[in-house]
């Protein structure tokens, strides 16, 4: 299944305004990187975001959220947000939360 290009366009319109952002096709979808670190992206009909393990635990209690698991082994610190949970304000919030976490990571070159 291809990734949701409409969700990607909406998400990228937000992250593209930030400094040091790049976009890369990965795992059948698209990823956004900040300072070389994966921040989030779109996989199938899901927004994927990197929140860190502490924020991930809280996020998993919210509606429309599940662990980021496409291989049978969930990725630590990541969640998948169903498209129902990606209305404009929610989408911006998830991406901002990911931005805050990824800003704590050392830059990758």
C-alpha atoms as a PDB file:
ATOM      1  CA  UNK A   1       0.000   0.000   0.000  1.00  0.00           C
ATOM      2  CA  UNK A   2       1.425   3.392  -0.918  1.00  0.00           C
ATOM      3  CA  UNK A   3       1.703   6.104   1.701  1.00  0.00           C
ATOM      4  CA  UNK A   4      -0.935   8.805   2.176  1.00  0.00           C
ATOM      5  CA  UNK A   5       0.386  11.639   0.008  1.00  0.00           C
ATOM      6  CA  UNK A   6      -2.243  14.099   1.259  1.00  0.00           C
ATOM      7  CA  UNK A   7      -1.145  13.534   4.879  1.00  0.00           C
ATOM      8  CA  UNK A   8       2.482  13.851   3.775  1.00  0.00           C
ATOM      9  CA  UNK A   9       1.774  17.178   2.042  1.00  0.00           C
ATOM     10  CA  UNK A  10       0.020  18.549   5.136  1.00  0.00           C
ATOM     11  CA  UNK A  11       2.769  17.363   7.490  1.00  0.00           C
ATOM     12  CA  UNK A  12       5.600  18.525   5.244  1.00  0.00           C
ATOM     13  CA  UNK A  13       4.017  21.962   4.921  1.00  0.00           C
ATOM     14  CA  UNK A  14       4.496  22.273   8.691  1.00  0.00           C
ATOM     15  CA  UNK A  15       7.999  20.812   9.095  1.00  0.00           C
ATOM     16  CA  UNK A  16       9.427  22.413   5.956  1.00  0.00           C
ATOM     17  CA  UNK A  17       9.302  25.804   7.709  1.00  0.00           C
ATOM     18  CA  UNK A  18      11.705  24.597  10.418  1.00  0.00           C
ATOM     19  CA  UNK A  19      15.504  24.826  10.223  1.00  0.00           C
ATOM     20  CA  UNK A  20      17.645  21.892   9.108  1.00  0.00           C
ATOM     21  CA  UNK A  21      14.788  19.727   7.805  1.00  0.00           C
ATOM     22  CA  UNK A  22      15.167  17.202   5.016  1.00  0.00           C
ATOM     23  CA  UNK A  23      12.797  14.668   3.499  1.00  0.00           C
ATOM     24  CA  UNK A  24      13.682  11.121   2.474  1.00  0.00           C
ATOM     25  CA  UNK A  25      11.700   8.171   1.131  1.00  0.00           C
ATOM     26  CA  UNK A  26      12.023   5.200   3.480  1.00  0.00           C
ATOM     27  CA  UNK A  27      10.200   1.924   4.306  1.00  0.00           C
ATOM     28  CA  UNK A  28       7.562   2.495   1.625  1.00  0.00           C
ATOM     29  CA  UNK A  29       6.761   5.928   3.005  1.00  0.00           C
ATOM     30  CA  UNK A  30       8.497   9.202   3.666  1.00  0.00           C
ATOM     31  CA  UNK A  31      10.565  10.440   6.616  1.00  0.00           C
ATOM     32  CA  UNK A  32      11.439  13.912   7.814  1.00  0.00           C
ATOM     33  CA  UNK A  33      14.833  14.459   9.360  1.00  0.00           C
ATOM     34  CA  UNK A  34      15.986  17.339  11.533  1.00  0.00           C
ATOM     35  CA  UNK A  35      19.732  17.818  11.890  1.00  0.00           C
ATOM     36  CA  UNK A  36      20.084  14.346  10.346  1.00  0.00           C
ATOM     37  CA  UNK A  37      17.894  12.647  12.995  1.00  0.00           C
ATOM     38  CA  UNK A  38      14.596  11.036  12.082  1.00  0.00           C
ATOM     39  CA  UNK A  39      11.742  13.204  13.364  1.00  0.00           C
ATOM     40  CA  UNK A  40       8.672  11.608  11.814  1.00  0.00           C
ATOM     41  CA  UNK A  41       6.975  10.939   8.537  1.00  0.00           C
ATOM     42  CA  UNK A  42       4.144   9.079   6.885  1.00  0.00           C
ATOM     43  CA  UNK A  43       3.750   5.316   6.599  1.00  0.00           C
ATOM     44  CA  UNK A  44       0.654   4.070   4.782  1.00  0.00           C
ATOM     45  CA  UNK A  45      -2.214   6.063   6.361  1.00  0.00           C
ATOM     46  CA  UNK A  46      -0.320   6.857   9.557  1.00  0.00           C
ATOM     47  CA  UNK A  47       1.686   9.799  10.749  1.00  0.00           C
ATOM     48  CA  UNK A  48       4.757   8.451  12.535  1.00  0.00           C
ATOM     49  CA  UNK A  49       6.473  10.594  15.142  1.00  0.00           C
ATOM     50  CA  UNK A  50       9.517  10.229  17.359  1.00  0.00           C
ATOM     51  CA  UNK A  51       8.638  11.315  20.864  1.00  0.00           C
ATOM     52  CA  UNK A  52      11.133   9.565  23.112  1.00  0.00           C
ATOM     53  CA  UNK A  53      10.201   6.772  25.485  1.00  0.00           C
ATOM     54  CA  UNK A  54       8.647   8.905  28.240  1.00  0.00           C
ATOM     55  CA  UNK A  55       6.317  10.825  25.900  1.00  0.00           C
ATOM     56  CA  UNK A  56       5.594   7.597  23.990  1.00  0.00           C
ATOM     57  CA  UNK A  57       4.113   6.004  27.116  1.00  0.00           C
ATOM     58  CA  UNK A  58       1.744   8.946  27.597  1.00  0.00           C
ATOM     59  CA  UNK A  59       0.844   9.110  23.912  1.00  0.00           C
ATOM     60  CA  UNK A  60      -0.129   5.438  23.793  1.00  0.00           C
ATOM     61  CA  UNK A  61      -2.972   6.208  26.212  1.00  0.00           C
ATOM     62  CA  UNK A  62      -4.503   8.699  23.756  1.00  0.00           C
ATOM     63  CA  UNK A  63      -7.046   7.847  21.049  1.00  0.00           C
ATOM     64  CA  UNK A  64      -5.845   6.955  17.532  1.00  0.00           C
ATOM     65  CA  UNK A  65      -2.319   6.101  18.748  1.00  0.00           C
ATOM     66  CA  UNK A  66      -0.450   2.804  18.521  1.00  0.00           C
ATOM     67  CA  UNK A  67       3.170   1.703  18.757  1.00  0.00           C
ATOM     68  CA  UNK A  68       5.256   2.170  15.617  1.00  0.00           C
ATOM     69  CA  UNK A  69       5.590  -1.460  14.634  1.00  0.00           C
ATOM     70  CA  UNK A  70       5.977  -2.481  11.011  1.00  0.00           C
ATOM     71  CA  UNK A  71       8.323  -5.427  11.556  1.00  0.00           C
ATOM     72  CA  UNK A  72       6.916  -7.235  14.598  1.00  0.00           C
ATOM     73  CA  UNK A  73       9.236  -5.343  16.931  1.00  0.00           C
ATOM     74  CA  UNK A  74       7.972  -1.897  18.039  1.00  0.00           C
ATOM     75  CA  UNK A  75      10.428   0.985  17.754  1.00  0.00           C
ATOM     76  CA  UNK A  76      11.174   2.542  21.139  1.00  0.00           C
ATOM     77  CA  UNK A  77      10.140   6.163  21.458  1.00  0.00           C
ATOM     78  CA  UNK A  78       7.976   6.181  18.322  1.00  0.00           C
ATOM     79  CA  UNK A  79       4.208   6.102  17.754  1.00  0.00           C
ATOM     80  CA  UNK A  80       1.852   5.832  14.812  1.00  0.00           C
ATOM     81  CA  UNK A  81      -1.075   8.249  14.666  1.00  0.00           C
ATOM     82  CA  UNK A  82      -4.130   7.180  12.682  1.00  0.00           C
ATOM     83  CA  UNK A  83      -5.286   9.699  10.104  1.00  0.00           C
ATOM     84  CA  UNK A  84      -8.354  10.368  12.311  1.00  0.00           C
ATOM     85  CA  UNK A  85      -5.944  11.785  14.892  1.00  0.00           C
ATOM     86  CA  UNK A  86      -4.271  14.122  12.398  1.00  0.00           C
ATOM     87  CA  UNK A  87      -6.646  17.037  12.094  1.00  0.00           C
ATOM     88  CA  UNK A  88      -4.807  20.347  11.653  1.00  0.00           C
ATOM     89  CA  UNK A  89      -4.224  21.231  15.337  1.00  0.00           C
ATOM     90  CA  UNK A  90      -3.485  17.610  16.267  1.00  0.00           C
ATOM     91  CA  UNK A  91      -1.079  17.201  13.360  1.00  0.00           C
ATOM     92  CA  UNK A  92       0.834  20.326  14.349  1.00  0.00           C
ATOM     93  CA  UNK A  93       0.920  19.170  18.013  1.00  0.00           C
ATOM     94  CA  UNK A  94       2.346  15.729  17.165  1.00  0.00           C
ATOM     95  CA  UNK A  95       4.998  17.222  14.914  1.00  0.00           C
ATOM     96  CA  UNK A  96       5.899  19.897  17.469  1.00  0.00           C
ATOM     97  CA  UNK A  97       6.233  17.227  20.180  1.00  0.00           C
ATOM     98  CA  UNK A  98       8.584  15.287  17.893  1.00  0.00           C
ATOM     99  CA  UNK A  99      10.543  18.451  17.135  1.00  0.00           C
ATOM    100  CA  UNK A 100      11.037  19.142  20.859  1.00  0.00           C
ATOM    101  CA  UNK A 101      12.366  15.620  21.450  1.00  0.00           C
ATOM    102  CA  UNK A 102      14.617  15.465  18.384  1.00  0.00           C
ATOM    103  CA  UNK A 103      16.116  18.865  19.255  1.00  0.00           C
ATOM    104  CA  UNK A 104      17.646  17.153  22.327  1.00  0.00           C
ATOM    105  CA  UNK A 105      19.615  14.722  20.148  1.00  0.00           C
ATOM    106  CA  UNK A 106      23.145  15.360  18.849  1.00  0.00           C
ATOM    107  CA  UNK A 107      23.314  16.399  15.207  1.00  0.00           C
ATOM    108  CA  UNK A 108      24.108  13.644  12.691  1.00  0.00           C
ATOM    109  CA  UNK A 109      26.238  14.479   9.697  1.00  0.00           C
END
